[in-house]
Amino acid sequence: MEWQILEQYGPMLLRGFGLTIMCWLLGTVFSMALGLLIALAQRHGPTPLRWLLQAYIEVIRGTPFLVQLFVLYYGGPLVGLRLDAVPAGLLGLTIYGSPYFAEIFRSGFRAVPIGQIEAARAIGMPEHVIIRRVLLPVALVSALPALVNFSIILTKETVILSIITVPELMYQVQRMSTETFRYLEANLVLALFFWLLVETISRFGRKLETRITHYLIERP
């Protein structure tokens, strides 16, 4: 194996890895926020809205991310939506991830004891305060492992963004492989970078779960 080529392509790979992290981070934040709004709307919204959101969830979960990305990037201009590769990739990750996060939040809401919600209503607590102080804290503890797990899954979905020429890590690895014909070294680097990213997310998730649990136990 000729590892010397990494000296030449190292900066390019690091730039691609940085863009991968940015796309994953923003895509996760946006899709998690949208998923939370969807879950809350399904819980508290009118029936027609619930049906519409459920249809959205089923359509997005039932189609591959690659197809969604193609439709968004190449089909968007047909309806006046013209996006560069990176914004299209971020929007695609947001759309793709939001139904899964919505289902995770929904299962977390179901884990909240109904007695706590009824007690909050009995003392006259407004619904938005119940959501903020009762529903969300307990639901987040229950849903946190699943949230972290799906965030890890989204890291691997970022490689598909290379299809629409987002210059993230996979795109740079493919460029390196094409120019040098050293496929083994390129893909080992790809695997190493993603392993480091996934391991970092996993450790952060475990620490966050421990801290939130201790906070809920210790708070008055």
Protein backbone atom coordinates (compact mmCIF):
# COMPACT_ATOMS: atom_id res chain seq x y z
CA MET A 1 0.00 0.00 0.00
CA GLU A 2 1.31 3.42 -0.98
CA TRP A 3 0.47 5.64 1.94
CA GLN A 4 2.61 8.44 0.53
CA ILE A 5 -0.30 9.54 -1.63
CA LEU A 6 -2.06 10.63 1.57
CA GLU A 7 0.46 13.43 1.89
CA GLN A 8 -0.71 14.74 -1.46
CA TYR A 9 -4.43 14.17 -0.98
CA GLY A 10 -4.59 14.65 2.80
CA PRO A 11 -5.70 18.32 2.74
CA MET A 12 -8.37 17.54 0.17
CA LEU A 13 -9.68 14.64 2.25
CA LEU A 14 -9.72 16.78 5.39
CA ARG A 15 -11.75 19.46 3.60
CA GLY A 16 -14.17 16.80 2.47
CA PHE A 17 -14.41 15.41 5.99
CA GLY A 18 -15.10 18.89 7.35
CA LEU A 19 -17.92 19.35 4.85
CA THR A 20 -19.27 15.91 5.76
CA ILE A 21 -19.40 16.91 9.43
CA MET A 22 -21.10 20.20 8.57
CA CYS A 23 -23.73 18.51 6.38
CA TRP A 24 -24.37 15.85 9.00
CA LEU A 25 -24.58 18.33 11.88
CA LEU A 26 -26.89 20.81 10.15
CA GLY A 27 -28.97 18.04 8.58
CA THR A 28 -29.39 16.37 11.97
CA VAL A 29 -30.33 19.59 13.76
CA PHE A 30 -32.82 20.67 11.09
CA SER A 31 -34.42 17.24 10.66
CA MET A 32 -34.63 16.73 14.43
CA ALA A 33 -36.32 20.12 14.88
CA LEU A 34 -38.76 19.41 12.04
CA GLY A 35 -39.41 15.93 13.43
CA LEU A 36 -40.23 17.40 16.84
CA LEU A 37 -42.69 19.84 15.28
CA ILE A 38 -44.31 17.02 13.33
CA ALA A 39 -44.63 14.87 16.46
CA LEU A 40 -46.17 17.75 18.43
CA ALA A 41 -48.56 18.56 15.58
CA GLN A 42 -49.61 14.92 15.38
CA ARG A 43 -50.26 14.90 19.10
CA HIS A 44 -52.07 18.23 19.43
CA GLY A 45 -53.14 19.19 15.91
CA PRO A 46 -56.52 18.75 14.21
CA THR A 47 -57.37 15.45 12.58
CA PRO A 48 -56.87 16.56 8.92
CA LEU A 49 -53.39 17.81 9.77
CA ARG A 50 -52.57 14.52 11.47
CA TRP A 51 -53.63 12.59 8.37
CA LEU A 52 -51.52 14.84 6.15
CA LEU A 53 -48.44 14.48 8.36
CA GLN A 54 -48.88 10.71 8.58
CA ALA A 55 -49.02 10.54 4.78
CA TYR A 56 -45.80 12.58 4.63
CA ILE A 57 -44.12 10.21 7.07
CA GLU A 58 -45.16 7.11 5.14
CA VAL A 59 -44.08 8.51 1.76
CA ILE A 60 -40.65 9.64 2.95
CA ARG A 61 -39.95 6.47 4.95
CA GLY A 62 -41.14 4.33 2.06
CA THR A 63 -38.80 5.77 -0.59
CA PRO A 64 -34.98 5.63 -0.79
CA PHE A 65 -32.98 8.71 0.11
CA LEU A 66 -31.20 8.57 -3.24
CA VAL A 67 -34.52 8.86 -5.09
CA GLN A 68 -35.63 11.75 -2.87
CA LEU A 69 -32.35 13.56 -3.49
CA PHE A 70 -32.59 13.08 -7.25
CA VAL A 71 -36.16 14.39 -7.30
CA LEU A 72 -35.21 17.40 -5.19
CA TYR A 73 -32.02 18.35 -7.05
CA TYR A 74 -32.91 17.48 -10.64
CA GLY A 75 -36.68 17.80 -10.46
CA GLY A 76 -36.77 20.95 -8.34
CA PRO A 77 -36.05 23.32 -11.25
CA LEU A 78 -39.20 22.05 -12.98
CA VAL A 79 -41.27 23.68 -10.21
CA GLY A 80 -39.02 26.70 -9.73
CA LEU A 81 -36.84 25.28 -6.93
CA ARG A 82 -33.23 25.79 -8.02
CA LEU A 83 -30.67 24.93 -5.36
CA ASP A 84 -26.92 24.50 -5.38
CA ALA A 85 -25.56 21.12 -4.42
CA VAL A 86 -24.85 21.82 -0.73
CA PRO A 87 -28.21 23.50 0.09
CA ALA A 88 -30.00 20.75 -1.83
CA GLY A 89 -28.12 18.14 0.17
CA LEU A 90 -28.99 19.80 3.49
CA LEU A 91 -32.64 20.10 2.50
CA GLY A 92 -32.63 16.48 1.38
CA LEU A 93 -31.18 15.29 4.70
CA THR A 94 -33.76 17.38 6.56
CA ILE A 95 -36.67 15.94 4.61
CA TYR A 96 -35.33 12.40 4.83
CA GLY A 97 -34.58 12.44 8.56
CA SER A 98 -37.60 14.33 9.88
CA PRO A 99 -40.15 11.45 9.67
CA TYR A 100 -37.83 9.10 11.55
CA PHE A 101 -37.18 11.66 14.26
CA ALA A 102 -40.92 12.36 14.42
CA GLU A 103 -41.61 8.70 15.12
CA ILE A 104 -38.87 8.61 17.74
CA PHE A 105 -40.35 11.63 19.51
CA ARG A 106 -43.83 10.15 19.24
CA SER A 107 -42.68 6.98 21.00
CA GLY A 108 -40.98 9.13 23.62
CA PHE A 109 -44.21 11.03 24.26
CA ARG A 110 -46.05 7.75 24.76
CA ALA A 111 -43.54 6.82 27.48
CA VAL A 112 -44.54 9.82 29.60
CA PRO A 113 -46.84 8.65 32.45
CA ILE A 114 -50.32 10.01 31.81
CA GLY A 115 -50.65 10.74 35.52
CA GLN A 116 -47.97 13.44 35.32
CA ILE A 117 -49.79 15.20 32.48
CA GLU A 118 -53.17 14.96 34.23
CA ALA A 119 -51.65 16.32 37.44
CA ALA A 120 -50.20 19.29 35.56
CA ARG A 121 -53.59 20.00 34.00
CA ALA A 122 -55.31 19.64 37.35
CA ILE A 123 -53.27 22.50 38.82
CA GLY A 124 -54.12 24.71 35.85
CA MET A 125 -50.85 24.52 33.98
CA PRO A 126 -51.22 25.75 30.36
CA GLU A 127 -50.70 23.19 27.60
CA HIS A 128 -47.55 24.83 26.23
CA VAL A 129 -46.03 24.79 29.73
CA ILE A 130 -46.95 21.12 30.12
CA ILE A 131 -45.14 20.39 26.86
CA ARG A 132 -42.04 22.31 27.93
CA ARG A 133 -41.79 21.23 31.58
CA VAL A 134 -43.42 17.81 31.69
CA LEU A 135 -43.72 16.19 28.28
CA LEU A 136 -40.40 17.08 26.63
CA PRO A 137 -37.98 16.42 29.54
CA VAL A 138 -39.31 12.94 30.25
CA ALA A 139 -39.76 12.05 26.58
CA LEU A 140 -36.22 13.12 25.72
CA VAL A 141 -34.71 10.78 28.30
CA SER A 142 -36.69 7.88 26.88
CA ALA A 143 -35.99 8.80 23.26
CA LEU A 144 -32.33 9.84 23.57
CA PRO A 145 -30.74 6.46 22.67
CA ALA A 146 -32.89 6.23 19.54
CA LEU A 147 -32.14 9.85 18.65
CA VAL A 148 -28.40 9.23 18.90
CA ASN A 149 -28.70 5.99 16.94
CA PHE A 150 -30.52 7.62 14.05
CA SER A 151 -28.07 10.54 14.11
CA ILE A 152 -25.35 7.95 13.53
CA ILE A 153 -27.33 6.52 10.63
CA LEU A 154 -27.49 10.00 9.08
CA THR A 155 -23.68 10.19 9.08
CA LYS A 156 -23.63 7.31 6.61
CA GLU A 157 -26.35 8.85 4.47
CA THR A 158 -24.10 11.84 3.80
CA VAL A 159 -22.08 9.75 1.33
CA ILE A 160 -25.08 9.84 -1.03
CA LEU A 161 -24.66 13.60 -1.33
CA SER A 162 -21.64 12.94 -3.56
CA ILE A 163 -24.11 11.85 -6.27
CA ILE A 164 -25.21 15.48 -6.68
CA THR A 165 -21.57 16.71 -6.59
CA VAL A 166 -21.46 17.85 -2.96
CA PRO A 167 -17.66 17.81 -2.36
CA GLU A 168 -17.87 15.91 0.93
CA LEU A 169 -15.60 13.06 2.00
CA MET A 170 -17.00 10.38 -0.33
CA TYR A 171 -16.71 12.72 -3.30
CA GLN A 172 -13.06 13.45 -2.46
CA VAL A 173 -12.30 9.76 -1.91
CA GLN A 174 -13.76 8.90 -5.31
CA ARG A 175 -11.69 11.67 -6.89
CA MET A 176 -8.55 10.35 -5.19
CA SER A 177 -9.30 6.79 -6.34
CA THR A 178 -9.91 7.89 -9.93
CA GLU A 179 -6.69 9.90 -10.15
CA THR A 180 -4.38 7.40 -8.42
CA PHE A 181 -6.09 4.02 -8.98
CA ARG A 182 -5.36 3.29 -5.27
CA TYR A 183 -8.80 2.15 -4.20
CA LEU A 184 -7.75 0.27 -1.06
CA GLU A 185 -6.01 3.20 0.63
CA ALA A 186 -8.81 5.60 -0.30
CA ASN A 187 -11.55 3.42 1.13
CA LEU A 188 -9.59 2.60 4.27
CA VAL A 189 -9.28 6.34 4.90
CA LEU A 190 -13.01 6.71 4.30
CA ALA A 191 -13.76 3.94 6.80
CA LEU A 192 -11.37 5.43 9.38
CA PHE A 193 -12.90 8.91 9.17
CA PHE A 194 -16.43 7.59 9.55
CA TRP A 195 -15.43 5.32 12.43
CA LEU A 196 -13.96 8.32 14.26
CA LEU A 197 -17.12 10.35 13.65
CA VAL A 198 -19.46 7.58 14.78
CA GLU A 199 -17.37 6.83 17.86
CA THR A 200 -17.38 10.51 18.84
CA ILE A 201 -21.17 10.74 18.45
CA SER A 202 -21.69 7.55 20.46
CA ARG A 203 -19.54 8.74 23.37
CA PHE A 204 -21.20 12.15 23.37
CA GLY A 205 -24.64 10.51 23.37
CA ARG A 206 -23.80 8.32 26.36
CA LYS A 207 -22.46 11.27 28.35
CA LEU A 208 -25.49 13.38 27.46
CA GLU A 209 -27.88 10.62 28.52
CA THR A 210 -26.09 10.28 31.87
CA ARG A 211 -26.15 14.03 32.54
CA ILE A 212 -29.82 14.43 31.65
CA THR A 213 -30.79 11.47 33.81
CA HIS A 214 -28.85 12.85 36.79
CA TYR A 215 -30.42 16.28 36.28
CA LEU A 216 -33.95 14.88 36.32
CA ILE A 217 -33.22 12.82 39.43
CA GLU A 218 -31.64 15.70 41.35
CA ARG A 219 -33.99 18.54 40.39
CA PRO A 220 -36.64 19.42 42.99
